[in-house]
Amino acid sequence: MCILTIDFSAVKDYKLCSKCNRVFPETTEYFHRNKITLSGLANKCKKCIAEYRKKYREENKEKIREKRKKKREELKKAQKISLIL
């Protein structure tokens, strides 16, 4: 029986991106903050998140446009109500 031992002290200050599987220093330079995780940092690196968001925006232009239009109309309505009161 072979027991595998890993010295985690050497990799303590590094974090693995769950999307691209690359290792980066465990800092906010490479990962967004996330209070829910143990490390306090997101599981995906900033570059992977940026690529995902860009792809989403390109694939959902009309959906985003409609959502923004609806929000704009709601804000206008709320401003008119606050002016009346």
Protein backbone atom coordinates (compact mmCIF):
# COMPACT_ATOMS: atom_id res chain seq x y z
CA MET A 1 0.00 0.00 0.00
CA CYS A 2 1.38 3.37 -1.06
CA ILE A 3 0.54 6.50 0.93
CA LEU A 4 0.81 9.75 -0.93
CA THR A 5 1.86 12.75 1.12
CA ILE A 6 1.68 16.27 -0.19
CA ASP A 7 3.42 19.23 1.36
CA PHE A 8 0.81 21.99 1.09
CA SER A 9 3.06 24.59 2.69
CA ALA A 10 4.77 25.05 -0.67
CA VAL A 11 1.48 25.82 -2.47
CA LYS A 12 -0.17 27.79 0.34
CA ASP A 13 0.01 31.12 -1.43
CA TYR A 14 -1.28 29.84 -4.77
CA LYS A 15 -4.76 29.05 -6.07
CA LEU A 16 -6.02 26.89 -8.93
CA CYS A 17 -8.55 28.37 -11.38
CA SER A 18 -11.43 25.91 -11.73
CA LYS A 19 -12.02 26.93 -15.36
CA CYS A 20 -8.58 27.04 -17.02
CA ASN A 21 -6.77 24.87 -14.43
CA ARG A 22 -3.87 27.32 -14.20
CA VAL A 23 -2.21 28.20 -10.91
CA PHE A 24 -1.98 31.86 -9.86
CA PRO A 25 -0.84 33.66 -6.72
CA GLU A 26 -3.73 33.77 -4.25
CA THR A 27 -4.33 37.52 -4.51
CA THR A 28 -7.02 39.90 -5.71
CA GLU A 29 -4.79 40.67 -8.69
CA TYR A 30 -5.82 37.32 -10.20
CA PHE A 31 -9.10 36.45 -8.42
CA HIS A 32 -12.20 38.49 -7.52
CA ARG A 33 -13.17 38.60 -3.86
CA ASN A 34 -15.88 36.21 -2.67
CA LYS A 35 -16.79 36.16 1.03
CA ILE A 36 -18.52 32.79 0.76
CA THR A 37 -15.38 30.79 -0.10
CA LEU A 38 -12.83 29.75 2.52
CA SER A 39 -10.04 31.63 0.79
CA GLY A 40 -12.17 34.75 0.37
CA LEU A 41 -11.52 34.64 -3.37
CA ALA A 42 -13.54 33.41 -6.37
CA ASN A 43 -12.90 29.95 -7.81
CA LYS A 44 -12.29 31.26 -11.34
CA CYS A 45 -9.54 33.68 -12.29
CA LYS A 46 -10.38 37.19 -13.47
CA LYS A 47 -9.40 36.38 -17.06
CA CYS A 48 -11.79 33.40 -17.26
CA ILE A 49 -14.63 35.42 -15.73
CA ALA A 50 -14.00 38.27 -18.20
CA GLU A 51 -14.08 35.81 -21.13
CA TYR A 52 -17.33 34.28 -19.85
CA ARG A 53 -18.97 37.70 -19.43
CA LYS A 54 -17.87 38.85 -22.89
CA LYS A 55 -19.25 35.68 -24.49
CA TYR A 56 -22.53 36.04 -22.57
CA ARG A 57 -22.93 39.68 -23.67
CA GLU A 58 -22.30 38.74 -27.32
CA GLU A 59 -24.78 35.85 -27.22
CA ASN A 60 -27.51 37.74 -25.31
CA LYS A 61 -27.45 41.26 -26.77
CA GLU A 62 -31.21 41.49 -27.23
CA LYS A 63 -31.98 40.10 -23.77
CA ILE A 64 -29.61 42.61 -22.16
CA ARG A 65 -31.04 45.46 -24.23
CA GLU A 66 -34.60 44.62 -23.15
CA LYS A 67 -33.59 44.30 -19.50
CA ARG A 68 -31.86 47.70 -19.57
CA LYS A 69 -34.85 49.29 -21.30
CA LYS A 70 -37.21 47.91 -18.67
CA LYS A 71 -34.97 49.13 -15.83
CA ARG A 72 -34.72 52.59 -17.43
CA GLU A 73 -38.53 52.81 -17.64
CA GLU A 74 -38.89 51.75 -13.99
CA LEU A 75 -36.40 54.42 -12.91
CA LYS A 76 -38.23 57.10 -14.91
CA LYS A 77 -41.52 56.07 -13.30
CA ALA A 78 -39.96 56.16 -9.82
CA GLN A 79 -38.50 59.62 -10.48
CA LYS A 80 -41.91 60.95 -11.60
CA ILE A 81 -43.52 59.57 -8.45
CA SER A 82 -40.84 61.11 -6.21
CA LEU A 83 -41.29 64.49 -7.93
CA ILE A 84 -45.04 64.39 -7.30
CA LEU A 85 -44.60 63.59 -3.61
